[in-house]
C-alpha atoms as a PDB file:
ATOM      1  CA  GLY A   1     -30.851  63.793  25.635  1.00  0.00           C
ATOM      2  CA  TYR A   2     -33.282  66.605  25.355  1.00  0.00           C
ATOM      3  CA  GLY A   3     -34.027  70.004  26.688  1.00  0.00           C
ATOM      4  CA  GLY A   4     -37.389  71.678  26.802  1.00  0.00           C
ATOM      5  CA  GLY A   5     -37.493  72.286  23.050  1.00  0.00           C
ATOM      6  CA  THR A   6     -34.974  69.997  21.369  1.00  0.00           C
ATOM      7  CA  SER A   7     -34.160  66.298  21.435  1.00  0.00           C
ATOM      8  CA  GLU A   8     -30.761  65.123  20.268  1.00  0.00           C
ATOM      9  CA  ALA A   9     -29.175  61.750  19.630  1.00  0.00           C
ATOM     10  CA  ALA A  10     -25.427  61.433  19.198  1.00  0.00           C
ATOM     11  CA  ILE A  11     -23.010  58.584  18.702  1.00  0.00           C
ATOM     12  CA  THR A  12     -19.609  59.319  20.157  1.00  0.00           C
ATOM     13  CA  SER A  13     -16.257  57.630  20.035  1.00  0.00           C
ATOM     14  CA  LEU A  14     -12.817  58.525  21.380  1.00  0.00           C
ATOM     15  CA  ASP A  15     -12.456  61.135  18.650  1.00  0.00           C
ATOM     16  CA  GLY A  16     -15.697  62.879  19.612  1.00  0.00           C
ATOM     17  CA  VAL A  17     -19.113  62.984  18.001  1.00  0.00           C
ATOM     18  CA  VAL A  18     -19.385  60.624  15.032  1.00  0.00           C
ATOM     19  CA  ILE A  19     -22.978  61.430  14.113  1.00  0.00           C
ATOM     20  CA  SER A  20     -25.714  63.454  15.721  1.00  0.00           C
ATOM     21  CA  LYS A  21     -29.282  64.345  14.877  1.00  0.00           C
ATOM     22  CA  HIS A  22     -31.861  66.509  16.537  1.00  0.00           C
ATOM     23  CA  VAL A  23     -35.544  67.260  16.311  1.00  0.00           C
ATOM     24  CA  ARG A  24     -37.283  70.342  17.615  1.00  0.00           C
ATOM     25  CA  ILE A  25     -39.618  68.327  19.773  1.00  0.00           C
ATOM     26  CA  ALA A  26     -39.194  67.501  23.448  1.00  0.00           C
ATOM     27  CA  GLY A  27     -40.608  68.248  26.873  1.00  0.00           C
ATOM     28  CA  ASP A  28     -42.242  71.522  25.817  1.00  0.00           C
ATOM     29  CA  GLU A  29     -44.215  69.689  23.116  1.00  0.00           C
ATOM     30  CA  MET A  30     -45.323  67.133  25.693  1.00  0.00           C
ATOM     31  CA  ASP A  31     -46.617  69.979  27.866  1.00  0.00           C
ATOM     32  CA  GLN A  32     -48.414  71.549  24.890  1.00  0.00           C
ATOM     33  CA  ALA A  33     -49.957  68.183  23.952  1.00  0.00           C
ATOM     34  CA  ILE A  34     -51.337  67.894  27.495  1.00  0.00           C
ATOM     35  CA  ILE A  35     -52.754  71.440  27.385  1.00  0.00           C
ATOM     36  CA  LEU A  36     -54.404  70.867  23.992  1.00  0.00           C
ATOM     37  CA  TYR A  37     -55.829  67.494  25.013  1.00  0.00           C
ATOM     38  CA  LEU A  38     -57.367  68.920  28.178  1.00  0.00           C
ATOM     39  CA  LYS A  39     -58.919  71.800  26.225  1.00  0.00           C
ATOM     40  CA  GLU A  40     -60.392  69.506  23.575  1.00  0.00           C
ATOM     41  CA  ASN A  41     -61.430  66.552  25.747  1.00  0.00           C
ATOM     42  CA  HIS A  42     -62.126  67.977  29.199  1.00  0.00           C
ATOM     43  CA  ASN A  43     -62.967  71.605  28.352  1.00  0.00           C
ATOM     44  CA  LEU A  44     -60.299  72.613  30.878  1.00  0.00           C
ATOM     45  CA  PHE A  45     -57.610  75.218  30.360  1.00  0.00           C
ATOM     46  CA  VAL A  46     -54.421  74.616  32.340  1.00  0.00           C
ATOM     47  CA  GLY A  47     -51.158  76.529  32.264  1.00  0.00           C
ATOM     48  CA  GLU A  48     -47.751  75.230  31.267  1.00  0.00           C
ATOM     49  CA  GLN A  49     -46.645  74.727  34.879  1.00  0.00           C
ATOM     50  CA  MET A  50     -49.630  72.490  35.625  1.00  0.00           C
ATOM     51  CA  ALA A  51     -49.066  70.518  32.411  1.00  0.00           C
ATOM     52  CA  GLU A  52     -45.410  70.019  33.318  1.00  0.00           C
ATOM     53  CA  ARG A  53     -46.306  68.951  36.855  1.00  0.00           C
ATOM     54  CA  ILE A  54     -48.728  66.339  35.475  1.00  0.00           C
ATOM     55  CA  LYS A  55     -46.065  65.068  33.073  1.00  0.00           C
ATOM     56  CA  ILE A  56     -43.465  64.802  35.835  1.00  0.00           C
ATOM     57  CA  ASN A  57     -45.767  63.201  38.414  1.00  0.00           C
ATOM     58  CA  ILE A  58     -47.735  60.642  36.387  1.00  0.00           C
ATOM     59  CA  GLY A  59     -46.390  60.905  32.826  1.00  0.00           C
ATOM     60  CA  CYS A  60     -45.293  57.655  31.206  1.00  0.00           C
ATOM     61  CA  THR A  61     -44.512  56.292  27.758  1.00  0.00           C
ATOM     62  CA  HIS A  62     -46.988  53.429  27.674  1.00  0.00           C
ATOM     63  CA  PRO A  63     -49.934  52.279  29.756  1.00  0.00           C
ATOM     64  CA  PRO A  64     -48.508  51.537  33.194  1.00  0.00           C
ATOM     65  CA  SER A  65     -48.955  48.374  35.207  1.00  0.00           C
ATOM     66  CA  ARG A  66     -50.307  50.547  38.027  1.00  0.00           C
ATOM     67  CA  ASN A  67     -52.559  53.350  36.843  1.00  0.00           C
ATOM     68  CA  GLU A  68     -51.829  56.518  38.826  1.00  0.00           C
ATOM     69  CA  LYS A  69     -54.262  59.418  39.094  1.00  0.00           C
ATOM     70  CA  MET A  70     -53.785  63.108  39.663  1.00  0.00           C
ATOM     71  CA  LYS A  71     -56.199  65.963  40.242  1.00  0.00           C
ATOM     72  CA  MET A  72     -55.714  68.959  38.007  1.00  0.00           C
ATOM     73  CA  ARG A  73     -57.033  72.440  38.425  1.00  0.00           C
ATOM     74  CA  GLY A  74     -57.675  74.881  35.675  1.00  0.00           C
ATOM     75  CA  ARG A  75     -60.334  77.099  34.175  1.00  0.00           C
ATOM     76  CA  ASP A  76     -63.508  75.552  32.787  1.00  0.00           C
ATOM     77  CA  LEU A  77     -63.753  76.881  29.234  1.00  0.00           C
ATOM     78  CA  SER A  78     -67.561  76.915  29.173  1.00  0.00           C
ATOM     79  CA  THR A  79     -68.166  78.691  32.498  1.00  0.00           C
ATOM     80  CA  GLY A  80     -64.890  80.563  32.977  1.00  0.00           C
ATOM     81  CA  PHE A  81     -64.802  79.346  36.577  1.00  0.00           C
ATOM     82  CA  PRO A  82     -62.066  77.328  38.263  1.00  0.00           C
ATOM     83  CA  ASN A  83     -62.605  73.587  37.943  1.00  0.00           C
ATOM     84  CA  GLU A  84     -60.869  70.381  38.948  1.00  0.00           C
ATOM     85  CA  ILE A  85     -60.716  67.085  37.071  1.00  0.00           C
ATOM     86  CA  GLU A  86     -58.813  63.862  37.557  1.00  0.00           C
ATOM     87  CA  ILE A  87     -56.548  62.425  34.887  1.00  0.00           C
ATOM     88  CA  ASP A  88     -54.768  59.079  34.997  1.00  0.00           C
ATOM     89  CA  SER A  89     -51.413  57.884  33.724  1.00  0.00           C
ATOM     90  CA  GLU A  90     -52.990  55.620  31.090  1.00  0.00           C
ATOM     91  CA  GLU A  91     -54.778  58.585  29.523  1.00  0.00           C
ATOM     92  CA  LEU A  92     -51.571  60.605  29.780  1.00  0.00           C
ATOM     93  CA  SER A  93     -49.502  57.915  28.036  1.00  0.00           C
ATOM     94  CA  ASN A  94     -51.821  58.199  25.020  1.00  0.00           C
ATOM     95  CA  ILE A  95     -51.366  61.978  24.983  1.00  0.00           C
ATOM     96  CA  LEU A  96     -47.546  61.733  25.123  1.00  0.00           C
ATOM     97  CA  SER A  97     -47.243  58.825  22.686  1.00  0.00           C
ATOM     98  CA  PRO A  98     -46.831  60.860  19.440  1.00  0.00           C
ATOM     99  CA  VAL A  99     -44.046  63.007  20.932  1.00  0.00           C
ATOM    100  CA  VAL A 100     -42.244  59.987  22.406  1.00  0.00           C
ATOM    101  CA  SER A 101     -42.563  58.145  19.091  1.00  0.00           C
ATOM    102  CA  THR A 102     -41.005  61.052  17.165  1.00  0.00           C
ATOM    103  CA  ILE A 103     -38.050  61.113  19.561  1.00  0.00           C
ATOM    104  CA  CYS A 104     -37.589  57.344  19.122  1.00  0.00           C
ATOM    105  CA  GLU A 105     -37.693  57.692  15.322  1.00  0.00           C
ATOM    106  CA  MET A 106     -34.831  60.204  15.559  1.00  0.00           C
ATOM    107  CA  ILE A 107     -32.837  57.780  17.748  1.00  0.00           C
ATOM    108  CA  GLU A 108     -33.496  54.952  15.263  1.00  0.00           C
ATOM    109  CA  SER A 109     -32.411  57.137  12.346  1.00  0.00           C
ATOM    110  CA  THR A 110     -29.171  58.044  14.130  1.00  0.00           C
ATOM    111  CA  LEU A 111     -28.400  54.380  14.809  1.00  0.00           C
ATOM    112  CA  GLU A 112     -29.159  53.434  11.190  1.00  0.00           C
ATOM    113  CA  GLU A 113     -26.565  55.935   9.972  1.00  0.00           C
ATOM    114  CA  SER A 114     -23.860  54.995  12.459  1.00  0.00           C
ATOM    115  CA  PRO A 115     -20.612  53.539  11.116  1.00  0.00           C
ATOM    116  CA  PRO A 116     -20.642  49.718  11.097  1.00  0.00           C
ATOM    117  CA  GLU A 117     -17.325  49.577  12.985  1.00  0.00           C
ATOM    118  CA  LEU A 118     -19.074  51.065  16.032  1.00  0.00           C
ATOM    119  CA  ALA A 119     -21.908  48.507  16.045  1.00  0.00           C
ATOM    120  CA  GLY A 120     -20.133  46.205  18.522  1.00  0.00           C
ATOM    121  CA  ASP A 121     -19.495  49.041  20.979  1.00  0.00           C
ATOM    122  CA  ILE A 122     -23.085  50.250  20.697  1.00  0.00           C
ATOM    123  CA  MET A 123     -24.432  46.742  21.263  1.00  0.00           C
ATOM    124  CA  GLU A 124     -22.172  46.249  24.287  1.00  0.00           C
ATOM    125  CA  ARG A 125     -22.494  49.670  25.913  1.00  0.00           C
ATOM    126  CA  GLY A 126     -26.002  50.556  24.797  1.00  0.00           C
ATOM    127  CA  ILE A 127     -27.638  53.944  24.884  1.00  0.00           C
ATOM    128  CA  TYR A 128     -27.567  56.532  27.670  1.00  0.00           C
ATOM    129  CA  LEU A 129     -30.518  58.851  28.171  1.00  0.00           C
ATOM    130  CA  THR A 130     -30.025  62.339  29.586  1.00  0.00           C
ATOM    131  CA  GLY A 131     -32.198  65.358  30.245  1.00  0.00           C
ATOM    132  CA  GLY A 132     -35.643  65.743  31.723  1.00  0.00           C
ATOM    133  CA  GLY A 133     -37.269  63.373  29.251  1.00  0.00           C
ATOM    134  CA  ALA A 134     -35.055  60.570  30.475  1.00  0.00           C
ATOM    135  CA  CYS A 135     -36.993  60.803  33.742  1.00  0.00           C
ATOM    136  CA  LEU A 136     -40.324  60.045  32.039  1.00  0.00           C
ATOM    137  CA  LYS A 137     -41.508  56.750  33.517  1.00  0.00           C
ATOM    138  CA  GLY A 138     -40.804  53.832  31.200  1.00  0.00           C
ATOM    139  CA  PHE A 139     -38.951  55.884  28.576  1.00  0.00           C
ATOM    140  CA  ASP A 140     -35.793  53.777  28.897  1.00  0.00           C
ATOM    141  CA  LYS A 141     -37.746  50.523  28.450  1.00  0.00           C
ATOM    142  CA  TYR A 142     -39.725  51.979  25.542  1.00  0.00           C
ATOM    143  CA  VAL A 143     -36.553  53.040  23.691  1.00  0.00           C
ATOM    144  CA  SER A 144     -34.885  49.682  24.429  1.00  0.00           C
ATOM    145  CA  LYS A 145     -37.853  47.817  22.997  1.00  0.00           C
ATOM    146  CA  ARG A 146     -37.834  49.986  19.857  1.00  0.00           C
ATOM    147  CA  VAL A 147     -34.089  49.725  19.120  1.00  0.00           C
ATOM    148  CA  HIS A 148     -33.327  46.294  20.634  1.00  0.00           C
ATOM    149  CA  LEU A 149     -30.381  47.644  22.626  1.00  0.00           C
ATOM    150  CA  PRO A 150     -29.671  48.155  26.322  1.00  0.00           C
ATOM    151  CA  VAL A 151     -30.771  51.610  27.455  1.00  0.00           C
ATOM    152  CA  LYS A 152     -29.622  53.231  30.690  1.00  0.00           C
ATOM    153  CA  LEU A 153     -30.309  56.496  32.432  1.00  0.00           C
ATOM    154  CA  ALA A 154     -27.293  58.735  32.905  1.00  0.00           C
ATOM    155  CA  PRO A 155     -26.348  58.922  36.615  1.00  0.00           C
ATOM    156  CA  GLU A 156     -27.836  62.421  36.955  1.00  0.00           C
ATOM    157  CA  PRO A 157     -29.910  62.945  33.806  1.00  0.00           C
ATOM    158  CA  LEU A 158     -31.017  66.475  34.686  1.00  0.00           C
ATOM    159  CA  LEU A 159     -27.428  67.627  35.285  1.00  0.00           C
ATOM    160  CA  SER A 160     -25.711  65.838  32.380  1.00  0.00           C
ATOM    161  CA  VAL A 161     -25.474  68.837  30.068  1.00  0.00           C
ATOM    162  CA  VAL A 162     -24.220  71.177  32.790  1.00  0.00           C
ATOM    163  CA  MET A 163     -21.628  68.630  33.944  1.00  0.00           C
ATOM    164  CA  GLY A 164     -20.483  68.101  30.339  1.00  0.00           C
ATOM    165  CA  VAL A 165     -20.070  71.825  29.741  1.00  0.00           C
ATOM    166  CA  GLY A 166     -18.145  72.069  33.022  1.00  0.00           C
ATOM    167  CA  LYS A 167     -15.700  69.380  31.874  1.00  0.00           C
ATOM    168  CA  LEU A 168     -15.367  71.093  28.520  1.00  0.00           C
ATOM    169  CA  LEU A 169     -14.517  74.423  30.152  1.00  0.00           C
ATOM    170  CA  GLU A 170     -11.875  72.729  32.322  1.00  0.00           C
ATOM    171  CA  ASN A 171     -10.096  71.342  29.237  1.00  0.00           C
ATOM    172  CA  ARG A 172      -8.830  74.122  26.933  1.00  0.00           C
ATOM    173  CA  GLU A 173      -7.594  71.634  24.314  1.00  0.00           C
ATOM    174  CA  LEU A 174     -10.994  70.032  24.068  1.00  0.00           C
ATOM    175  CA  LEU A 175     -12.730  73.408  24.104  1.00  0.00           C
ATOM    176  CA  ALA A 176     -10.650  74.487  21.092  1.00  0.00           C
ATOM    177  CA  THR A 177     -12.089  71.590  19.076  1.00  0.00           C
ATOM    178  CA  VAL A 178     -15.702  72.643  19.615  1.00  0.00           C
ATOM    179  CA  GLU A 179     -17.453  73.798  16.484  1.00  0.00           C
ATOM    180  CA  THR A 180     -20.580  75.873  16.416  1.00  0.00           C
ATOM    181  CA  SER A 181     -23.260  75.086  13.897  1.00  0.00           C
ATOM    182  CA  PRO A 182     -24.680  77.857  11.687  1.00  0.00           C
ATOM    183  CA  GLU A 183     -27.973  77.505  13.625  1.00  0.00           C
ATOM    184  CA  SER A 184     -26.392  78.617  16.885  1.00  0.00           C
ATOM    185  CA  GLU A 185     -24.458  81.582  15.477  1.00  0.00           C
END
């Protein structure tokens, strides 16, 4: 799953997390890539909220079968005046591609380092995607194609972390086993 600034892949078993990796790239970087692209290619400055709205509404991982379009408003960098342009999902997929690829490389690396005794379970159960990025159109299919495994969206990808923390707080035994990494201290 991933939050606005971090993507994480973890392989779990009954005993907990077997291996996990993370990269400091996620939804925020997608938004920044959109902002930079629009500045450089359309001479339009948009804010983070507009970039996120574009990503949510027409963002996708690869050129879609049906190209969607969206009007975007921002400030024209040459005149300083408000301006509106139209961007399509095919153009957006090219903008998001490097970020999506980096996240997939991290998933691949995690799988490559997983214990061989878990390979059967991973092949049978597949991968679950959580977080806002899981909602990016085609992300599940893109990951599945890259890793040759079934990929599913968690039932409520945007609430997965909160629901997990809730379960953890309800179980004192499990909570006692949680370790904090030096990064988070």
